[in-house]
Amino acid sequence: MLAFADEKLRAAKLLVEGGAWGDASSRAYYAAFHAVSAALLSRNETYSRHGQVLGAFNRRFIHPGFFPPEFTALLTRLFENRQSGDYDVLPGVTEDEARQDIVDAQRIIEAIRQFLAGHV
């Protein structure tokens, strides 16, 4: 699943350079989402809804202290920007927001990659 995360992150970087900021934010969210799903899968947990995935990640990994609490806020903002980028009628994601989403998604992915390398 981290391969999916890496693929989505590469796409986000290409999209932001092409000026497709909403789409870049969407891909950044999915990059982080696939990394979070990989962490849950390492505990034999899978979920079908985004809210379930994010809630389970908080319960299994944030609350016990494996990852910093700020990841909850980052994931929430990534999700909100994904919603805006995918569904808003008017452009809602700025270039700066899209670039920050990529940075934050990359941070989450790398933290999960390091965690999985030491805990699987």
PDB file of N, CA and C in Angstrom:
ATOM      1  N   MET A   1       0.805  -1.203   0.000  1.00  0.00           N
ATOM      2  CA  MET A   1       0.000   0.000   0.000  1.00  0.00           C
ATOM      3  C   MET A   1       0.845   1.263   0.000  1.00  0.00           C
ATOM      4  N   LEU A   2       2.061   1.168   0.508  1.00  0.00           N
ATOM      5  CA  LEU A   2       2.904   2.358   0.447  1.00  0.00           C
ATOM      6  C   LEU A   2       3.285   2.676  -0.989  1.00  0.00           C
ATOM      7  N   ALA A   3       3.289   1.673  -1.856  1.00  0.00           N
ATOM      8  CA  ALA A   3       3.533   1.951  -3.278  1.00  0.00           C
ATOM      9  C   ALA A   3       2.414   2.827  -3.834  1.00  0.00           C
ATOM     10  N   PHE A   4       1.176   2.568  -3.421  1.00  0.00           N
ATOM     11  CA  PHE A   4       0.051   3.428  -3.837  1.00  0.00           C
ATOM     12  C   PHE A   4       0.244   4.844  -3.301  1.00  0.00           C
ATOM     13  N   ALA A   5       0.673   4.948  -2.057  1.00  0.00           N
ATOM     14  CA  ALA A   5       0.907   6.265  -1.454  1.00  0.00           C
ATOM     15  C   ALA A   5       1.967   7.023  -2.241  1.00  0.00           C
ATOM     16  N   ASP A   6       3.049   6.336  -2.577  1.00  0.00           N
ATOM     17  CA  ASP A   6       4.125   6.978  -3.341  1.00  0.00           C
ATOM     18  C   ASP A   6       3.646   7.415  -4.721  1.00  0.00           C
ATOM     19  N   GLU A   7       2.844   6.580  -5.361  1.00  0.00           N
ATOM     20  CA  GLU A   7       2.309   6.910  -6.687  1.00  0.00           C
ATOM     21  C   GLU A   7       1.420   8.154  -6.630  1.00  0.00           C
ATOM     22  N   LYS A   8       0.545   8.211  -5.639  1.00  0.00           N
ATOM     23  CA  LYS A   8      -0.350   9.367  -5.500  1.00  0.00           C
ATOM     24  C   LYS A   8       0.442  10.636  -5.192  1.00  0.00           C
ATOM     25  N   LEU A   9       1.494  10.500  -4.398  1.00  0.00           N
ATOM     26  CA  LEU A   9       2.314  11.662  -4.070  1.00  0.00           C
ATOM     27  C   LEU A   9       3.038  12.184  -5.307  1.00  0.00           C
ATOM     28  N   ARG A  10       3.557  11.272  -6.120  1.00  0.00           N
ATOM     29  CA  ARG A  10       4.199  11.702  -7.386  1.00  0.00           C
ATOM     30  C   ARG A  10       3.194  12.429  -8.268  1.00  0.00           C
ATOM     31  N   ALA A  11       1.984  11.911  -8.349  1.00  0.00           N
ATOM     32  CA  ALA A  11       0.942  12.558  -9.157  1.00  0.00           C
ATOM     33  C   ALA A  11       0.624  13.946  -8.613  1.00  0.00           C
ATOM     34  N   ALA A  12       0.539  14.074  -7.292  1.00  0.00           N
ATOM     35  CA  ALA A  12       0.250  15.379  -6.683  1.00  0.00           C
ATOM     36  C   ALA A  12       1.312  16.398  -7.060  1.00  0.00           C
ATOM     37  N   LYS A  13       2.561  15.976  -7.048  1.00  0.00           N
ATOM     38  CA  LYS A  13       3.660  16.891  -7.392  1.00  0.00           C
ATOM     39  C   LYS A  13       3.573  17.337  -8.845  1.00  0.00           C
ATOM     40  N   LEU A  14       3.229  16.422  -9.729  1.00  0.00           N
ATOM     41  CA  LEU A  14       3.072  16.789 -11.142  1.00  0.00           C
ATOM     42  C   LEU A  14       1.889  17.733 -11.334  1.00  0.00           C
ATOM     43  N   LEU A  15       0.801  17.450 -10.657  1.00  0.00           N
ATOM     44  CA  LEU A  15      -0.403  18.272 -10.800  1.00  0.00           C
ATOM     45  C   LEU A  15      -0.196  19.688 -10.277  1.00  0.00           C
ATOM     46  N   VAL A  16       0.497  19.827  -9.158  1.00  0.00           N
ATOM     47  CA  VAL A  16       0.705  21.172  -8.614  1.00  0.00           C
ATOM     48  C   VAL A  16       1.583  21.991  -9.553  1.00  0.00           C
ATOM     49  N   GLU A  17       2.553  21.356 -10.182  1.00  0.00           N
ATOM     50  CA  GLU A  17       3.410  22.078 -11.132  1.00  0.00           C
ATOM     51  C   GLU A  17       2.631  22.476 -12.380  1.00  0.00           C
ATOM     52  N   GLY A  18       1.589  21.732 -12.686  1.00  0.00           N
ATOM     53  CA  GLY A  18       0.743  22.049 -13.831  1.00  0.00           C
ATOM     54  C   GLY A  18      -0.381  23.021 -13.505  1.00  0.00           C
ATOM     55  N   GLY A  19      -0.437  23.489 -12.264  1.00  0.00           N
ATOM     56  CA  GLY A  19      -1.455  24.463 -11.879  1.00  0.00           C
ATOM     57  C   GLY A  19      -2.795  23.868 -11.500  1.00  0.00           C
ATOM     58  N   ALA A  20      -2.875  22.553 -11.390  1.00  0.00           N
ATOM     59  CA  ALA A  20      -4.125  21.881 -11.010  1.00  0.00           C
ATOM     60  C   ALA A  20      -4.118  21.674  -9.497  1.00  0.00           C
ATOM     61  N   TRP A  21      -4.333  22.756  -8.772  1.00  0.00           N
ATOM     62  CA  TRP A  21      -4.148  22.731  -7.324  1.00  0.00           C
ATOM     63  C   TRP A  21      -5.173  21.884  -6.597  1.00  0.00           C
ATOM     64  N   GLY A  22      -6.416  21.930  -6.997  1.00  0.00           N
ATOM     65  CA  GLY A  22      -7.424  21.086  -6.362  1.00  0.00           C
ATOM     66  C   GLY A  22      -7.133  19.611  -6.572  1.00  0.00           C
ATOM     67  N   ASP A  23      -6.755  19.267  -7.791  1.00  0.00           N
ATOM     68  CA  ASP A  23      -6.414  17.870  -8.078  1.00  0.00           C
ATOM     69  C   ASP A  23      -5.149  17.454  -7.330  1.00  0.00           C
ATOM     70  N   ALA A  24      -4.198  18.365  -7.201  1.00  0.00           N
ATOM     71  CA  ALA A  24      -2.974  18.068  -6.451  1.00  0.00           C
ATOM     72  C   ALA A  24      -3.307  17.785  -4.988  1.00  0.00           C
ATOM     73  N   SER A  25      -4.195  18.588  -4.410  1.00  0.00           N
ATOM     74  CA  SER A  25      -4.608  18.354  -3.024  1.00  0.00           C
ATOM     75  C   SER A  25      -5.326  17.019  -2.877  1.00  0.00           C
ATOM     76  N   SER A  26      -6.146  16.683  -3.857  1.00  0.00           N
ATOM     77  CA  SER A  26      -6.850  15.411  -3.827  1.00  0.00           C
ATOM     78  C   SER A  26      -5.863  14.248  -3.831  1.00  0.00           C
ATOM     79  N   ARG A  27      -4.882  14.307  -4.701  1.00  0.00           N
ATOM     80  CA  ARG A  27      -3.879  13.240  -4.766  1.00  0.00           C
ATOM     81  C   ARG A  27      -3.037  13.201  -3.496  1.00  0.00           C
ATOM     82  N   ALA A  28      -2.732  14.362  -2.924  1.00  0.00           N
ATOM     83  CA  ALA A  28      -1.964  14.393  -1.671  1.00  0.00           C
ATOM     84  C   ALA A  28      -2.751  13.705  -0.560  1.00  0.00           C
ATOM     85  N   TYR A  29      -4.051  13.981  -0.496  1.00  0.00           N
ATOM     86  CA  TYR A  29      -4.885  13.311   0.501  1.00  0.00           C
ATOM     87  C   TYR A  29      -4.839  11.799   0.297  1.00  0.00           C
ATOM     88  N   TYR A  30      -5.028  11.356  -0.939  1.00  0.00           N
ATOM     89  CA  TYR A  30      -5.040   9.916  -1.186  1.00  0.00           C
ATOM     90  C   TYR A  30      -3.681   9.283  -0.910  1.00  0.00           C
ATOM     91  N   ALA A  31      -2.616  10.023  -1.106  1.00  0.00           N
ATOM     92  CA  ALA A  31      -1.291   9.512  -0.748  1.00  0.00           C
ATOM     93  C   ALA A  31      -1.243   9.217   0.747  1.00  0.00           C
ATOM     94  N   ALA A  32      -1.669  10.185   1.552  1.00  0.00           N
ATOM     95  CA  ALA A  32      -1.686   9.990   3.001  1.00  0.00           C
ATOM     96  C   ALA A  32      -2.683   8.897   3.393  1.00  0.00           C
ATOM     97  N   PHE A  33      -3.836   8.877   2.744  1.00  0.00           N
ATOM     98  CA  PHE A  33      -4.864   7.878   3.030  1.00  0.00           C
ATOM     99  C   PHE A  33      -4.327   6.457   2.816  1.00  0.00           C
ATOM    100  N   HIS A  34      -3.601   6.241   1.721  1.00  0.00           N
ATOM    101  CA  HIS A  34      -3.054   4.907   1.463  1.00  0.00           C
ATOM    102  C   HIS A  34      -1.981   4.542   2.488  1.00  0.00           C
ATOM    103  N   ALA A  35      -1.211   5.515   2.940  1.00  0.00           N
ATOM    104  CA  ALA A  35      -0.216   5.239   3.974  1.00  0.00           C
ATOM    105  C   ALA A  35      -0.899   4.866   5.290  1.00  0.00           C
ATOM    106  N   VAL A  36      -1.927   5.609   5.658  1.00  0.00           N
ATOM    107  CA  VAL A  36      -2.693   5.310   6.870  1.00  0.00           C
ATOM    108  C   VAL A  36      -3.330   3.924   6.752  1.00  0.00           C
ATOM    109  N   SER A  37      -3.857   3.605   5.591  1.00  0.00           N
ATOM    110  CA  SER A  37      -4.449   2.278   5.363  1.00  0.00           C
ATOM    111  C   SER A  37      -3.401   1.184   5.500  1.00  0.00           C
ATOM    112  N   ALA A  38      -2.179   1.452   5.053  1.00  0.00           N
ATOM    113  CA  ALA A  38      -1.090   0.474   5.187  1.00  0.00           C
ATOM    114  C   ALA A  38      -0.762   0.244   6.661  1.00  0.00           C
ATOM    115  N   ALA A  39      -0.751   1.310   7.446  1.00  0.00           N
ATOM    116  CA  ALA A  39      -0.500   1.158   8.881  1.00  0.00           C
ATOM    117  C   ALA A  39      -1.578   0.283   9.517  1.00  0.00           C
ATOM    118  N   LEU A  40      -2.824   0.539   9.167  1.00  0.00           N
ATOM    119  CA  LEU A  40      -3.924  -0.267   9.711  1.00  0.00           C
ATOM    120  C   LEU A  40      -3.852  -1.713   9.236  1.00  0.00           C
ATOM    121  N   LEU A  41      -3.489  -1.905   7.990  1.00  0.00           N
ATOM    122  CA  LEU A  41      -3.369  -3.259   7.459  1.00  0.00           C
ATOM    123  C   LEU A  41      -2.293  -4.045   8.206  1.00  0.00           C
ATOM    124  N   SER A  42      -1.253  -3.356   8.670  1.00  0.00           N
ATOM    125  CA  SER A  42      -0.210  -4.030   9.452  1.00  0.00           C
ATOM    126  C   SER A  42      -0.767  -4.590  10.756  1.00  0.00           C
ATOM    127  N   ARG A  43      -1.937  -4.120  11.148  1.00  0.00           N
ATOM    128  CA  ARG A  43      -2.636  -4.614  12.338  1.00  0.00           C
ATOM    129  C   ARG A  43      -3.868  -5.431  11.946  1.00  0.00           C
ATOM    130  N   ASN A  44      -3.879  -5.865  10.680  1.00  0.00           N
ATOM    131  CA  ASN A  44      -4.983  -6.666  10.139  1.00  0.00           C
ATOM    132  C   ASN A  44      -6.328  -5.960  10.219  1.00  0.00           C
ATOM    133  N   GLU A  45      -6.319  -4.651  10.012  1.00  0.00           N
ATOM    134  CA  GLU A  45      -7.554  -3.871  10.028  1.00  0.00           C
ATOM    135  C   GLU A  45      -7.754  -3.212   8.671  1.00  0.00           C
ATOM    136  N   THR A  46      -8.947  -3.372   8.133  1.00  0.00           N
ATOM    137  CA  THR A  46      -9.323  -2.685   6.898  1.00  0.00           C
ATOM    138  C   THR A  46     -10.719  -2.098   7.084  1.00  0.00           C
ATOM    139  N   TYR A  47     -10.950  -0.993   6.400  1.00  0.00           N
ATOM    140  CA  TYR A  47     -12.236  -0.297   6.506  1.00  0.00           C
ATOM    141  C   TYR A  47     -12.645   0.174   5.126  1.00  0.00           C
ATOM    142  N   SER A  48     -13.943   0.350   4.937  1.00  0.00           N
ATOM    143  CA  SER A  48     -14.447   0.718   3.614  1.00  0.00           C
ATOM    144  C   SER A  48     -14.724   2.210   3.469  1.00  0.00           C
ATOM    145  N   ARG A  49     -14.771   2.943   4.575  1.00  0.00           N
ATOM    146  CA  ARG A  49     -15.110   4.372   4.507  1.00  0.00           C
ATOM    147  C   ARG A  49     -13.946   5.220   5.032  1.00  0.00           C
ATOM    148  N   HIS A  50     -13.796   6.387   4.443  1.00  0.00           N
ATOM    149  CA  HIS A  50     -12.700   7.277   4.828  1.00  0.00           C
ATOM    150  C   HIS A  50     -12.752   7.622   6.309  1.00  0.00           C
ATOM    151  N   GLY A  51     -13.933   7.959   6.803  1.00  0.00           N
ATOM    152  CA  GLY A  51     -14.070   8.310   8.212  1.00  0.00           C
ATOM    153  C   GLY A  51     -13.675   7.173   9.137  1.00  0.00           C
ATOM    154  N   GLN A  52     -13.995   5.947   8.731  1.00  0.00           N
ATOM    155  CA  GLN A  52     -13.621   4.780   9.529  1.00  0.00           C
ATOM    156  C   GLN A  52     -12.104   4.611   9.566  1.00  0.00           C
ATOM    157  N   VAL A  53     -11.468   4.810   8.425  1.00  0.00           N
ATOM    158  CA  VAL A  53     -10.008   4.677   8.343  1.00  0.00           C
ATOM    159  C   VAL A  53      -9.347   5.713   9.246  1.00  0.00           C
ATOM    160  N   LEU A  54      -9.773   6.960   9.128  1.00  0.00           N
ATOM    161  CA  LEU A  54      -9.157   8.022   9.920  1.00  0.00           C
ATOM    162  C   LEU A  54      -9.432   7.833  11.409  1.00  0.00           C
ATOM    163  N   GLY A  55     -10.640   7.407  11.761  1.00  0.00           N
ATOM    164  CA  GLY A  55     -10.966   7.155  13.160  1.00  0.00           C
ATOM    165  C   GLY A  55     -10.150   6.010  13.742  1.00  0.00           C
ATOM    166  N   ALA A  56     -10.016   4.937  12.987  1.00  0.00           N
ATOM    167  CA  ALA A  56      -9.236   3.789  13.454  1.00  0.00           C
ATOM    168  C   ALA A  56      -7.762   4.154  13.593  1.00  0.00           C
ATOM    169  N   PHE A  57      -7.250   4.955  12.670  1.00  0.00           N
ATOM    170  CA  PHE A  57      -5.853   5.391  12.765  1.00  0.00           C
ATOM    171  C   PHE A  57      -5.642   6.197  14.051  1.00  0.00           C
ATOM    172  N   ASN A  58      -6.579   7.065  14.356  1.00  0.00           N
ATOM    173  CA  ASN A  58      -6.479   7.834  15.605  1.00  0.00           C
ATOM    174  C   ASN A  58      -6.465   6.912  16.817  1.00  0.00           C
ATOM    175  N   ARG A  59      -7.380   5.958  16.842  1.00  0.00           N
ATOM    176  CA  ARG A  59      -7.478   5.043  17.992  1.00  0.00           C
ATOM    177  C   ARG A  59      -6.253   4.151  18.130  1.00  0.00           C
ATOM    178  N   ARG A  60      -5.781   3.607  17.013  1.00  0.00           N
ATOM    179  CA  ARG A  60      -4.716   2.596  17.059  1.00  0.00           C
ATOM    180  C   ARG A  60      -3.306   3.182  17.070  1.00  0.00           C
ATOM    181  N   PHE A  61      -3.153   4.393  16.524  1.00  0.00           N
ATOM    182  CA  PHE A  61      -1.797   4.911  16.349  1.00  0.00           C
ATOM    183  C   PHE A  61      -1.552   6.298  16.944  1.00  0.00           C
ATOM    184  N   ILE A  62      -2.534   7.176  16.903  1.00  0.00           N
ATOM    185  CA  ILE A  62      -2.340   8.524  17.452  1.00  0.00           C
ATOM    186  C   ILE A  62      -2.496   8.503  18.974  1.00  0.00           C
ATOM    187  N   HIS A  63      -3.606   8.007  19.471  1.00  0.00           N
ATOM    188  CA  HIS A  63      -3.857   7.997  20.923  1.00  0.00           C
ATOM    189  C   HIS A  63      -2.787   7.235  21.695  1.00  0.00           C
ATOM    190  N   PRO A  64      -2.293   6.084  21.205  1.00  0.00           N
ATOM    191  CA  PRO A  64      -1.228   5.385  21.933  1.00  0.00           C
ATOM    192  C   PRO A  64       0.141   6.072  21.830  1.00  0.00           C
ATOM    193  N   GLY A  65       0.257   7.088  20.968  1.00  0.00           N
ATOM    194  CA  GLY A  65       1.501   7.847  20.885  1.00  0.00           C
ATOM    195  C   GLY A  65       2.499   7.398  19.836  1.00  0.00           C
ATOM    196  N   PHE A  66       2.082   6.535  18.910  1.00  0.00           N
ATOM    197  CA  PHE A  66       3.001   6.119  17.850  1.00  0.00           C
ATOM    198  C   PHE A  66       3.297   7.258  16.874  1.00  0.00           C
ATOM    199  N   PHE A  67       2.324   8.150  16.700  1.00  0.00           N
ATOM    200  CA  PHE A  67       2.467   9.310  15.821  1.00  0.00           C
ATOM    201  C   PHE A  67       1.980  10.542  16.566  1.00  0.00           C
ATOM    202  N   PRO A  68       2.482  11.713  16.191  1.00  0.00           N
ATOM    203  CA  PRO A  68       2.101  12.933  16.912  1.00  0.00           C
ATOM    204  C   PRO A  68       0.627  13.286  16.719  1.00  0.00           C
ATOM    205  N   PRO A  69       0.012  13.870  17.743  1.00  0.00           N
ATOM    206  CA  PRO A  69      -1.400  14.259  17.656  1.00  0.00           C
ATOM    207  C   PRO A  69      -1.696  15.207  16.497  1.00  0.00           C
ATOM    208  N   GLU A  70      -0.718  15.985  16.084  1.00  0.00           N
ATOM    209  CA  GLU A  70      -0.962  16.920  14.980  1.00  0.00           C
ATOM    210  C   GLU A  70      -1.300  16.199  13.677  1.00  0.00           C
ATOM    211  N   PHE A  71      -0.965  14.921  13.572  1.00  0.00           N
ATOM    212  CA  PHE A  71      -1.329  14.175  12.362  1.00  0.00           C
ATOM    213  C   PHE A  71      -2.848  14.138  12.182  1.00  0.00           C
ATOM    214  N   THR A  72      -3.588  14.154  13.290  1.00  0.00           N
ATOM    215  CA  THR A  72      -5.050  14.178  13.187  1.00  0.00           C
ATOM    216  C   THR A  72      -5.508  15.433  12.458  1.00  0.00           C
ATOM    217  N   ALA A  73      -4.964  16.579  12.849  1.00  0.00           N
ATOM    218  CA  ALA A  73      -5.323  17.845  12.200  1.00  0.00           C
ATOM    219  C   ALA A  73      -4.860  17.871  10.749  1.00  0.00           C
ATOM    220  N   LEU A  74      -3.674  17.341  10.486  1.00  0.00           N
ATOM    221  CA  LEU A  74      -3.167  17.315   9.109  1.00  0.00           C
ATOM    222  C   LEU A  74      -4.067  16.459   8.223  1.00  0.00           C
ATOM    223  N   LEU A  75      -4.427  15.291   8.706  1.00  0.00           N
ATOM    224  CA  LEU A  75      -5.290  14.401   7.923  1.00  0.00           C
ATOM    225  C   LEU A  75      -6.675  15.006   7.714  1.00  0.00           C
ATOM    226  N   THR A  76      -7.182  15.679   8.721  1.00  0.00           N
ATOM    227  CA  THR A  76      -8.486  16.338   8.585  1.00  0.00           C
ATOM    228  C   THR A  76      -8.423  17.429   7.525  1.00  0.00           C
ATOM    229  N   ARG A  77      -7.369  18.246   7.563  1.00  0.00           N
ATOM    230  CA  ARG A  77      -7.232  19.304   6.567  1.00  0.00           C
ATOM    231  C   ARG A  77      -7.025  18.730   5.169  1.00  0.00           C
ATOM    232  N   LEU A  78      -6.227  17.685   5.058  1.00  0.00           N
ATOM    233  CA  LEU A  78      -6.045  17.032   3.761  1.00  0.00           C
ATOM    234  C   LEU A  78      -7.384  16.538   3.220  1.00  0.00           C
ATOM    235  N   PHE A  79      -8.191  15.933   4.085  1.00  0.00           N
ATOM    236  CA  PHE A  79      -9.506  15.441   3.669  1.00  0.00           C
ATOM    237  C   PHE A  79     -10.397  16.595   3.214  1.00  0.00           C
ATOM    238  N   GLU A  80     -10.418  17.674   3.979  1.00  0.00           N
ATOM    239  CA  GLU A  80     -11.250  18.828   3.617  1.00  0.00           C
ATOM    240  C   GLU A  80     -10.813  19.439   2.289  1.00  0.00           C
ATOM    241  N   ASN A  81      -9.510  19.557   2.074  1.00  0.00           N
ATOM    242  CA  ASN A  81      -9.023  20.102   0.805  1.00  0.00           C
ATOM    243  C   ASN A  81      -9.311  19.145  -0.347  1.00  0.00           C
ATOM    244  N   ARG A  82      -9.275  17.856  -0.083  1.00  0.00           N
ATOM    245  CA  ARG A  82      -9.646  16.877  -1.113  1.00  0.00           C
ATOM    246  C   ARG A  82     -11.106  17.074  -1.496  1.00  0.00           C
ATOM    247  N   GLN A  83     -11.960  17.233  -0.502  1.00  0.00           N
ATOM    248  CA  GLN A  83     -13.379  17.467  -0.770  1.00  0.00           C
ATOM    249  C   GLN A  83     -13.558  18.732  -1.609  1.00  0.00           C
ATOM    250  N   SER A  84     -12.876  19.780  -1.226  1.00  0.00           N
ATOM    251  CA  SER A  84     -12.969  21.049  -1.946  1.00  0.00           C
ATOM    252  C   SER A  84     -12.448  20.897  -3.371  1.00  0.00           C
ATOM    253  N   GLY A  85     -11.297  20.258  -3.506  1.00  0.00           N
ATOM    254  CA  GLY A  85     -10.700  20.081  -4.830  1.00  0.00           C
ATOM    255  C   GLY A  85     -11.525  19.212  -5.752  1.00  0.00           C
ATOM    256  N   ASP A  86     -12.204  18.229  -5.185  1.00  0.00           N
ATOM    257  CA  ASP A  86     -12.979  17.298  -6.012  1.00  0.00           C
ATOM    258  C   ASP A  86     -14.408  17.760  -6.279  1.00  0.00           C
ATOM    259  N   TYR A  87     -15.003  18.522  -5.352  1.00  0.00           N
ATOM    260  CA  TYR A  87     -16.437  18.762  -5.450  1.00  0.00           C
ATOM    261  C   TYR A  87     -16.880  20.216  -5.516  1.00  0.00           C
ATOM    262  N   ASP A  88     -16.050  21.162  -5.110  1.00  0.00           N
ATOM    263  CA  ASP A  88     -16.481  22.561  -5.152  1.00  0.00           C
ATOM    264  C   ASP A  88     -16.664  23.033  -6.588  1.00  0.00           C
ATOM    265  N   VAL A  89     -17.680  23.833  -6.806  1.00  0.00           N
ATOM    266  CA  VAL A  89     -17.956  24.373  -8.141  1.00  0.00           C
ATOM    267  C   VAL A  89     -16.904  25.410  -8.518  1.00  0.00           C
ATOM    268  N   LEU A  90     -16.542  26.244  -7.560  1.00  0.00           N
ATOM    269  CA  LEU A  90     -15.502  27.243  -7.786  1.00  0.00           C
ATOM    270  C   LEU A  90     -14.189  26.737  -7.207  1.00  0.00           C
ATOM    271  N   PRO A  91     -13.069  27.136  -7.799  1.00  0.00           N
ATOM    272  CA  PRO A  91     -11.779  26.700  -7.250  1.00  0.00           C
ATOM    273  C   PRO A  91     -11.665  27.086  -5.777  1.00  0.00           C
ATOM    274  N   GLY A  92     -11.355  26.111  -4.942  1.00  0.00           N
ATOM    275  CA  GLY A  92     -11.300  26.365  -3.513  1.00  0.00           C
ATOM    276  C   GLY A  92      -9.941  26.142  -2.891  1.00  0.00           C
ATOM    277  N   VAL A  93      -9.033  25.508  -3.607  1.00  0.00           N
ATOM    278  CA  VAL A  93      -7.708  25.209  -3.077  1.00  0.00           C
ATOM    279  C   VAL A  93      -6.705  26.125  -3.762  1.00  0.00           C
ATOM    280  N   THR A  94      -5.921  26.820  -2.959  1.00  0.00           N
ATOM    281  CA  THR A  94      -4.906  27.713  -3.519  1.00  0.00           C
ATOM    282  C   THR A  94      -3.620  26.946  -3.806  1.00  0.00           C
ATOM    283  N   GLU A  95      -2.740  27.577  -4.538  1.00  0.00           N
ATOM    284  CA  GLU A  95      -1.440  26.958  -4.812  1.00  0.00           C
ATOM    285  C   GLU A  95      -0.692  26.681  -3.513  1.00  0.00           C
ATOM    286  N   ASP A  96      -0.680  27.646  -2.605  1.00  0.00           N
ATOM    287  CA  ASP A  96       0.024  27.454  -1.331  1.00  0.00           C
ATOM    288  C   ASP A  96      -0.563  26.295  -0.537  1.00  0.00           C
ATOM    289  N   GLU A  97      -1.884  26.183  -0.526  1.00  0.00           N
ATOM    290  CA  GLU A  97      -2.523  25.070   0.183  1.00  0.00           C
ATOM    291  C   GLU A  97      -2.158  23.733  -0.452  1.00  0.00           C
ATOM    292  N   ALA A  98      -2.167  23.673  -1.767  1.00  0.00           N
ATOM    293  CA  ALA A  98      -1.825  22.428  -2.459  1.00  0.00           C
ATOM    294  C   ALA A  98      -0.385  22.026  -2.161  1.00  0.00           C
ATOM    295  N   ARG A  99       0.504  22.994  -2.204  1.00  0.00           N
ATOM    296  CA  ARG A  99       1.914  22.691  -1.905  1.00  0.00           C
ATOM    297  C   ARG A  99       2.083  22.232  -0.457  1.00  0.00           C
ATOM    298  N   GLN A 100       1.369  22.858   0.468  1.00  0.00           N
ATOM    299  CA  GLN A 100       1.442  22.440   1.867  1.00  0.00           C
ATOM    300  C   GLN A 100       0.845  21.050   2.043  1.00  0.00           C
ATOM    301  N   ASP A 101      -0.214  20.744   1.330  1.00  0.00           N
ATOM    302  CA  ASP A 101      -0.806  19.406   1.397  1.00  0.00           C
ATOM    303  C   ASP A 101       0.206  18.346   0.976  1.00  0.00           C
ATOM    304  N   ILE A 102       0.975  18.636  -0.045  1.00  0.00           N
ATOM    305  CA  ILE A 102       1.993  17.688  -0.509  1.00  0.00           C
ATOM    306  C   ILE A 102       3.061  17.491   0.562  1.00  0.00           C
ATOM    307  N   VAL A 103       3.521  18.578   1.154  1.00  0.00           N
ATOM    308  CA  VAL A 103       4.521  18.491   2.227  1.00  0.00           C
ATOM    309  C   VAL A 103       3.978  17.659   3.387  1.00  0.00           C
ATOM    310  N   ASP A 104       2.741  17.924   3.778  1.00  0.00           N
ATOM    311  CA  ASP A 104       2.152  17.209   4.912  1.00  0.00           C
ATOM    312  C   ASP A 104       1.918  15.736   4.599  1.00  0.00           C
ATOM    313  N   ALA A 105       1.449  15.446   3.403  1.00  0.00           N
ATOM    314  CA  ALA A 105       1.254  14.045   3.012  1.00  0.00           C
ATOM    315  C   ALA A 105       2.583  13.308   3.014  1.00  0.00           C
ATOM    316  N   GLN A 106       3.609  13.951   2.492  1.00  0.00           N
ATOM    317  CA  GLN A 106       4.930  13.319   2.459  1.00  0.00           C
ATOM    318  C   GLN A 106       5.430  13.054   3.882  1.00  0.00           C
ATOM    319  N   ARG A 107       5.203  13.982   4.779  1.00  0.00           N
ATOM    320  CA  ARG A 107       5.609  13.800   6.173  1.00  0.00           C
ATOM    321  C   ARG A 107       4.895  12.597   6.796  1.00  0.00           C
ATOM    322  N   ILE A 108       3.607  12.478   6.560  1.00  0.00           N
ATOM    323  CA  ILE A 108       2.834  11.358   7.098  1.00  0.00           C
ATOM    324  C   ILE A 108       3.322  10.038   6.502  1.00  0.00           C
ATOM    325  N   ILE A 109       3.526  10.020   5.197  1.00  0.00           N
ATOM    326  CA  ILE A 109       3.983   8.797   4.527  1.00  0.00           C
ATOM    327  C   ILE A 109       5.330   8.352   5.080  1.00  0.00           C
ATOM    328  N   GLU A 110       6.261   9.283   5.204  1.00  0.00           N
ATOM    329  CA  GLU A 110       7.598   8.919   5.689  1.00  0.00           C
ATOM    330  C   GLU A 110       7.556   8.438   7.134  1.00  0.00           C
ATOM    331  N   ALA A 111       6.734   9.059   7.963  1.00  0.00           N
ATOM    332  CA  ALA A 111       6.608   8.611   9.354  1.00  0.00           C
ATOM    333  C   ALA A 111       6.044   7.194   9.411  1.00  0.00           C
ATOM    334  N   ILE A 112       5.048   6.921   8.598  1.00  0.00           N
ATOM    335  CA  ILE A 112       4.458   5.582   8.573  1.00  0.00           C
ATOM    336  C   ILE A 112       5.447   4.578   7.997  1.00  0.00           C
ATOM    337  N   ARG A 113       6.181   4.969   6.965  1.00  0.00           N
ATOM    338  CA  ARG A 113       7.193   4.074   6.383  1.00  0.00           C
ATOM    339  C   ARG A 113       8.216   3.672   7.456  1.00  0.00           C
ATOM    340  N   GLN A 114       8.707   4.644   8.218  1.00  0.00           N
ATOM    341  CA  GLN A 114       9.681   4.351   9.276  1.00  0.00           C
ATOM    342  C   GLN A 114       9.064   3.480  10.364  1.00  0.00           C
ATOM    343  N   PHE A 115       7.836   3.776  10.733  1.00  0.00           N
ATOM    344  CA  PHE A 115       7.152   2.980  11.747  1.00  0.00           C
ATOM    345  C   PHE A 115       7.019   1.528  11.296  1.00  0.00           C
ATOM    346  N   LEU A 116       6.552   1.332  10.072  1.00  0.00           N
ATOM    347  CA  LEU A 116       6.347  -0.029   9.570  1.00  0.00           C
ATOM    348  C   LEU A 116       7.662  -0.785   9.450  1.00  0.00           C
ATOM    349  N   ALA A 117       8.723  -0.099   9.094  1.00  0.00           N
ATOM    350  CA  ALA A 117      10.031  -0.754   8.979  1.00  0.00           C
ATOM    351  C   ALA A 117      10.500  -1.296  10.329  1.00  0.00           C
ATOM    352  N   GLY A 118      10.097  -0.645  11.405  1.00  0.00           N
ATOM    353  CA  GLY A 118      10.530  -1.077  12.723  1.00  0.00           C
ATOM    354  C   GLY A 118       9.528  -1.895  13.506  1.00  0.00           C
ATOM    355  N   HIS A 119       8.290  -2.010  12.998  1.00  0.00           N
ATOM    356  CA  HIS A 119       7.241  -2.666  13.780  1.00  0.00           C
ATOM    357  C   HIS A 119       6.506  -3.800  13.072  1.00  0.00           C
ATOM    358  N   VAL A 120       6.846  -4.083  11.854  1.00  0.00           N
ATOM    359  CA  VAL A 120       6.111  -5.143  11.149  1.00  0.00           C
ATOM    360  C   VAL A 120       6.855  -6.447  11.290  1.00  0.00           C
TER     361      VAL A 120
END
